[in-house]
Amino acid sequence: MIAAIALVLIAGLQYKLWFGEGSVQEVWQLRGQIDEKRLETQRLVERNRALYAEVNDLKSGLDAVEEIARTELGMVREGEVFFQLLQDEPDAASE
């Protein structure tokens, strides 16, 4: 009789441990979510650092503004010569 009661108690505790609230499975899932959030936070911190550095560059001088104008807008300084190299595209008819 005592063995049957002990077996029922052990089974009940095991059920709660593996499937109930605060179970091992739930802890594993929460740890996974924490790891994902840490990675996302690290990525956002790095992005914020880069944006902060860019803002400081833009505030502190014209070098950053000139770099953006050259790369994104294709601007050149007075007296500079701009060369654009084009590749010959094969004709569809000649293939």
N, C-alpha and C. Protein backbone atom coordinates (compact mmCIF):
# COMPACT_ATOMS: atom_id res chain seq x y z
N MET A 1 0.81 -1.19 0.00
CA MET A 1 0.00 0.00 0.00
C MET A 1 0.86 1.27 0.00
N ILE A 2 1.90 1.30 0.86
CA ILE A 2 2.79 2.45 0.94
C ILE A 2 3.55 2.60 -0.37
N ALA A 3 3.92 1.49 -0.95
CA ALA A 3 4.65 1.53 -2.23
C ALA A 3 3.77 2.13 -3.32
N ALA A 4 2.49 1.82 -3.34
CA ALA A 4 1.58 2.35 -4.35
C ALA A 4 1.41 3.86 -4.17
N ILE A 5 1.32 4.32 -2.93
CA ILE A 5 1.19 5.76 -2.66
C ILE A 5 2.47 6.48 -3.09
N ALA A 6 3.61 5.89 -2.74
CA ALA A 6 4.90 6.48 -3.12
C ALA A 6 5.03 6.54 -4.63
N LEU A 7 4.59 5.50 -5.32
CA LEU A 7 4.65 5.47 -6.79
C LEU A 7 3.77 6.56 -7.39
N VAL A 8 2.58 6.76 -6.84
CA VAL A 8 1.67 7.80 -7.34
C VAL A 8 2.28 9.18 -7.09
N LEU A 9 2.87 9.41 -5.92
CA LEU A 9 3.50 10.68 -5.61
C LEU A 9 4.69 10.95 -6.55
N ILE A 10 5.50 9.95 -6.77
CA ILE A 10 6.65 10.11 -7.67
C ILE A 10 6.17 10.40 -9.08
N ALA A 11 5.15 9.70 -9.54
CA ALA A 11 4.62 9.93 -10.89
C ALA A 11 4.05 11.35 -10.99
N GLY A 12 3.35 11.79 -9.98
CA GLY A 12 2.80 13.15 -9.99
C GLY A 12 3.89 14.20 -10.03
N LEU A 13 4.92 14.02 -9.24
CA LEU A 13 6.03 14.96 -9.23
C LEU A 13 6.79 14.95 -10.56
N GLN A 14 6.98 13.78 -11.12
CA GLN A 14 7.65 13.68 -12.41
C GLN A 14 6.84 14.37 -13.51
N TYR A 15 5.52 14.20 -13.46
CA TYR A 15 4.66 14.84 -14.45
C TYR A 15 4.82 16.36 -14.37
N LYS A 16 4.78 16.89 -13.13
CA LYS A 16 4.92 18.33 -12.95
C LYS A 16 6.30 18.81 -13.40
N LEU A 17 7.33 18.00 -13.11
CA LEU A 17 8.70 18.37 -13.49
C LEU A 17 8.84 18.47 -15.01
N TRP A 18 8.26 17.54 -15.75
CA TRP A 18 8.46 17.49 -17.20
C TRP A 18 7.39 18.23 -17.99
N PHE A 19 6.17 18.35 -17.46
CA PHE A 19 5.08 18.90 -18.27
C PHE A 19 4.32 20.05 -17.61
N GLY A 20 4.47 20.28 -16.34
CA GLY A 20 3.71 21.30 -15.63
C GLY A 20 4.30 22.69 -15.80
N GLU A 21 3.73 23.62 -15.03
CA GLU A 21 4.21 25.00 -15.06
C GLU A 21 5.62 25.04 -14.46
N GLY A 22 6.54 25.72 -15.16
CA GLY A 22 7.92 25.77 -14.71
C GLY A 22 8.67 24.48 -14.99
N SER A 23 8.20 23.72 -15.96
CA SER A 23 8.82 22.43 -16.26
C SER A 23 10.18 22.61 -16.92
N VAL A 24 10.89 21.51 -17.03
CA VAL A 24 12.20 21.52 -17.67
C VAL A 24 12.07 22.00 -19.12
N GLN A 25 11.06 21.54 -19.81
CA GLN A 25 10.84 21.94 -21.19
C GLN A 25 10.62 23.45 -21.30
N GLU A 26 9.84 24.00 -20.40
CA GLU A 26 9.59 25.45 -20.41
C GLU A 26 10.86 26.23 -20.12
N VAL A 27 11.68 25.72 -19.22
CA VAL A 27 12.96 26.38 -18.90
C VAL A 27 13.86 26.37 -20.12
N TRP A 28 13.92 25.26 -20.85
CA TRP A 28 14.73 25.18 -22.07
C TRP A 28 14.25 26.19 -23.11
N GLN A 29 12.93 26.29 -23.27
CA GLN A 29 12.39 27.24 -24.23
C GLN A 29 12.72 28.68 -23.83
N LEU A 30 12.60 28.98 -22.56
CA LEU A 30 12.90 30.33 -22.08
C LEU A 30 14.39 30.65 -22.24
N ARG A 31 15.26 29.69 -22.00
CA ARG A 31 16.69 29.91 -22.22
C ARG A 31 16.99 30.18 -23.68
N GLY A 32 16.31 29.47 -24.56
CA GLY A 32 16.47 29.72 -26.00
C GLY A 32 16.02 31.12 -26.37
N GLN A 33 14.90 31.55 -25.81
CA GLN A 33 14.41 32.90 -26.08
C GLN A 33 15.37 33.95 -25.54
N ILE A 34 15.95 33.68 -24.38
CA ILE A 34 16.94 34.61 -23.80
C ILE A 34 18.14 34.73 -24.71
N ASP A 35 18.63 33.59 -25.22
CA ASP A 35 19.78 33.62 -26.14
C ASP A 35 19.47 34.41 -27.40
N GLU A 36 18.26 34.21 -27.96
CA GLU A 36 17.86 34.96 -29.15
C GLU A 36 17.81 36.46 -28.87
N LYS A 37 17.26 36.82 -27.74
CA LYS A 37 17.16 38.25 -27.37
C LYS A 37 18.54 38.85 -27.13
N ARG A 38 19.45 38.08 -26.56
CA ARG A 38 20.82 38.58 -26.37
C ARG A 38 21.49 38.85 -27.71
N LEU A 39 21.32 37.94 -28.65
CA LEU A 39 21.91 38.14 -29.98
C LEU A 39 21.30 39.36 -30.66
N GLU A 40 20.00 39.50 -30.57
CA GLU A 40 19.32 40.65 -31.17
C GLU A 40 19.78 41.96 -30.52
N THR A 41 19.91 41.93 -29.20
CA THR A 41 20.37 43.12 -28.48
C THR A 41 21.79 43.48 -28.90
N GLN A 42 22.66 42.50 -29.02
CA GLN A 42 24.03 42.76 -29.44
C GLN A 42 24.06 43.36 -30.85
N ARG A 43 23.24 42.82 -31.74
CA ARG A 43 23.18 43.35 -33.11
C ARG A 43 22.71 44.80 -33.10
N LEU A 44 21.70 45.10 -32.29
CA LEU A 44 21.18 46.46 -32.21
C LEU A 44 22.19 47.41 -31.56
N VAL A 45 22.94 46.93 -30.59
CA VAL A 45 23.97 47.77 -29.97
C VAL A 45 25.04 48.13 -31.00
N GLU A 46 25.46 47.15 -31.80
CA GLU A 46 26.45 47.41 -32.84
C GLU A 46 25.92 48.40 -33.88
N ARG A 47 24.66 48.23 -34.26
CA ARG A 47 24.06 49.16 -35.22
C ARG A 47 23.99 50.57 -34.65
N ASN A 48 23.62 50.67 -33.38
CA ASN A 48 23.56 51.98 -32.74
C ASN A 48 24.93 52.63 -32.66
N ARG A 49 25.96 51.84 -32.38
CA ARG A 49 27.32 52.38 -32.35
C ARG A 49 27.71 52.94 -33.71
N ALA A 50 27.40 52.19 -34.75
CA ALA A 50 27.73 52.65 -36.10
C ALA A 50 26.97 53.93 -36.44
N LEU A 51 25.70 53.98 -36.09
CA LEU A 51 24.91 55.18 -36.36
C LEU A 51 25.43 56.37 -35.54
N TYR A 52 25.80 56.14 -34.30
CA TYR A 52 26.34 57.19 -33.46
C TYR A 52 27.64 57.74 -34.06
N ALA A 53 28.50 56.83 -34.53
CA ALA A 53 29.76 57.26 -35.14
C ALA A 53 29.49 58.07 -36.40
N GLU A 54 28.51 57.64 -37.19
CA GLU A 54 28.19 58.37 -38.42
C GLU A 54 27.63 59.76 -38.09
N VAL A 55 26.79 59.85 -37.08
CA VAL A 55 26.24 61.15 -36.67
C VAL A 55 27.37 62.06 -36.21
N ASN A 56 28.30 61.52 -35.42
CA ASN A 56 29.43 62.33 -34.97
C ASN A 56 30.28 62.81 -36.14
N ASP A 57 30.49 61.93 -37.12
CA ASP A 57 31.26 62.33 -38.31
C ASP A 57 30.54 63.46 -39.04
N LEU A 58 29.24 63.35 -39.19
CA LEU A 58 28.49 64.38 -39.90
C LEU A 58 28.49 65.70 -39.14
N LYS A 59 28.47 65.63 -37.82
CA LYS A 59 28.46 66.85 -37.01
C LYS A 59 29.84 67.51 -36.97
N SER A 60 30.90 66.71 -37.02
CA SER A 60 32.22 67.24 -36.76
C SER A 60 32.92 67.81 -38.00
N GLY A 61 32.53 67.43 -39.17
CA GLY A 61 33.25 67.95 -40.32
C GLY A 61 32.58 67.62 -41.63
N LEU A 62 33.21 68.11 -42.67
CA LEU A 62 32.64 67.93 -44.00
C LEU A 62 33.16 66.68 -44.69
N ASP A 63 34.15 66.00 -44.10
CA ASP A 63 34.70 64.80 -44.74
C ASP A 63 33.63 63.73 -44.94
N ALA A 64 32.82 63.50 -43.94
CA ALA A 64 31.77 62.49 -44.06
C ALA A 64 30.72 62.91 -45.07
N VAL A 65 30.38 64.19 -45.08
CA VAL A 65 29.39 64.69 -46.05
C VAL A 65 29.94 64.53 -47.46
N GLU A 66 31.22 64.84 -47.63
CA GLU A 66 31.83 64.69 -48.95
C GLU A 66 31.87 63.23 -49.38
N GLU A 67 32.18 62.34 -48.46
CA GLU A 67 32.22 60.92 -48.79
C GLU A 67 30.85 60.42 -49.23
N ILE A 68 29.80 60.83 -48.52
CA ILE A 68 28.45 60.42 -48.89
C ILE A 68 28.07 61.00 -50.25
N ALA A 69 28.43 62.26 -50.48
CA ALA A 69 28.11 62.89 -51.77
C ALA A 69 28.82 62.17 -52.91
N ARG A 70 30.05 61.75 -52.67
CA ARG A 70 30.80 61.07 -53.73
C ARG A 70 30.24 59.66 -54.00
N THR A 71 30.00 58.90 -52.93
CA THR A 71 29.59 57.51 -53.13
C THR A 71 28.13 57.36 -53.53
N GLU A 72 27.25 58.13 -52.90
CA GLU A 72 25.82 57.94 -53.16
C GLU A 72 25.30 58.82 -54.28
N LEU A 73 25.88 60.01 -54.45
CA LEU A 73 25.36 60.94 -55.45
C LEU A 73 26.27 61.07 -56.67
N GLY A 74 27.46 60.48 -56.61
CA GLY A 74 28.37 60.52 -57.75
C GLY A 74 28.97 61.89 -58.00
N MET A 75 29.08 62.70 -56.99
CA MET A 75 29.62 64.04 -57.16
C MET A 75 31.15 64.00 -57.24
N VAL A 76 31.72 64.98 -57.96
CA VAL A 76 33.17 65.12 -58.08
C VAL A 76 33.55 66.54 -57.73
N ARG A 77 34.80 66.71 -57.34
CA ARG A 77 35.29 68.05 -57.00
C ARG A 77 35.60 68.82 -58.27
N GLU A 78 35.68 70.11 -58.12
CA GLU A 78 36.06 70.97 -59.23
C GLU A 78 37.51 70.63 -59.61
N GLY A 79 37.74 70.46 -60.90
CA GLY A 79 39.07 70.13 -61.39
C GLY A 79 39.32 68.63 -61.50
N GLU A 80 38.45 67.80 -60.94
CA GLU A 80 38.61 66.35 -61.06
C GLU A 80 37.96 65.89 -62.36
N VAL A 81 38.41 64.75 -62.83
CA VAL A 81 37.84 64.16 -64.04
C VAL A 81 37.18 62.84 -63.63
N PHE A 82 35.96 62.64 -64.07
CA PHE A 82 35.20 61.44 -63.75
C PHE A 82 35.26 60.50 -64.94
N PHE A 83 35.67 59.28 -64.70
CA PHE A 83 35.71 58.25 -65.74
C PHE A 83 34.69 57.18 -65.39
N GLN A 84 33.89 56.82 -66.39
CA GLN A 84 32.94 55.73 -66.20
C GLN A 84 33.26 54.68 -67.24
N LEU A 85 33.55 53.46 -66.78
CA LEU A 85 33.89 52.38 -67.67
C LEU A 85 32.66 51.49 -67.86
N LEU A 86 32.33 51.26 -69.11
CA LEU A 86 31.17 50.44 -69.43
C LEU A 86 31.65 49.14 -70.05
N GLN A 87 30.98 48.07 -69.71
CA GLN A 87 31.30 46.78 -70.31
C GLN A 87 30.40 46.58 -71.53
N ASP A 88 30.99 45.98 -72.56
CA ASP A 88 30.18 45.65 -73.73
C ASP A 88 29.27 44.49 -73.36
N GLU A 89 28.00 44.67 -73.62
CA GLU A 89 27.05 43.59 -73.36
C GLU A 89 26.90 42.78 -74.65
N PRO A 90 26.96 41.46 -74.54
CA PRO A 90 26.81 40.64 -75.74
C PRO A 90 25.39 40.79 -76.31
N ASP A 91 25.33 40.88 -77.63
CA ASP A 91 24.02 40.99 -78.28
C ASP A 91 23.28 39.66 -78.16
N ALA A 92 22.01 39.74 -77.94
CA ALA A 92 21.19 38.53 -77.84
C ALA A 92 21.08 37.85 -79.19
N ALA A 93 21.15 38.63 -80.27
CA ALA A 93 21.02 38.06 -81.61
C ALA A 93 22.28 37.30 -82.01
N SER A 94 23.45 37.70 -81.51
CA SER A 94 24.68 37.06 -81.94
C SER A 94 24.93 35.76 -81.19
N GLU A 95 24.18 35.47 -80.16
CA GLU A 95 24.39 34.24 -79.39
C GLU A 95 23.75 33.07 -80.05
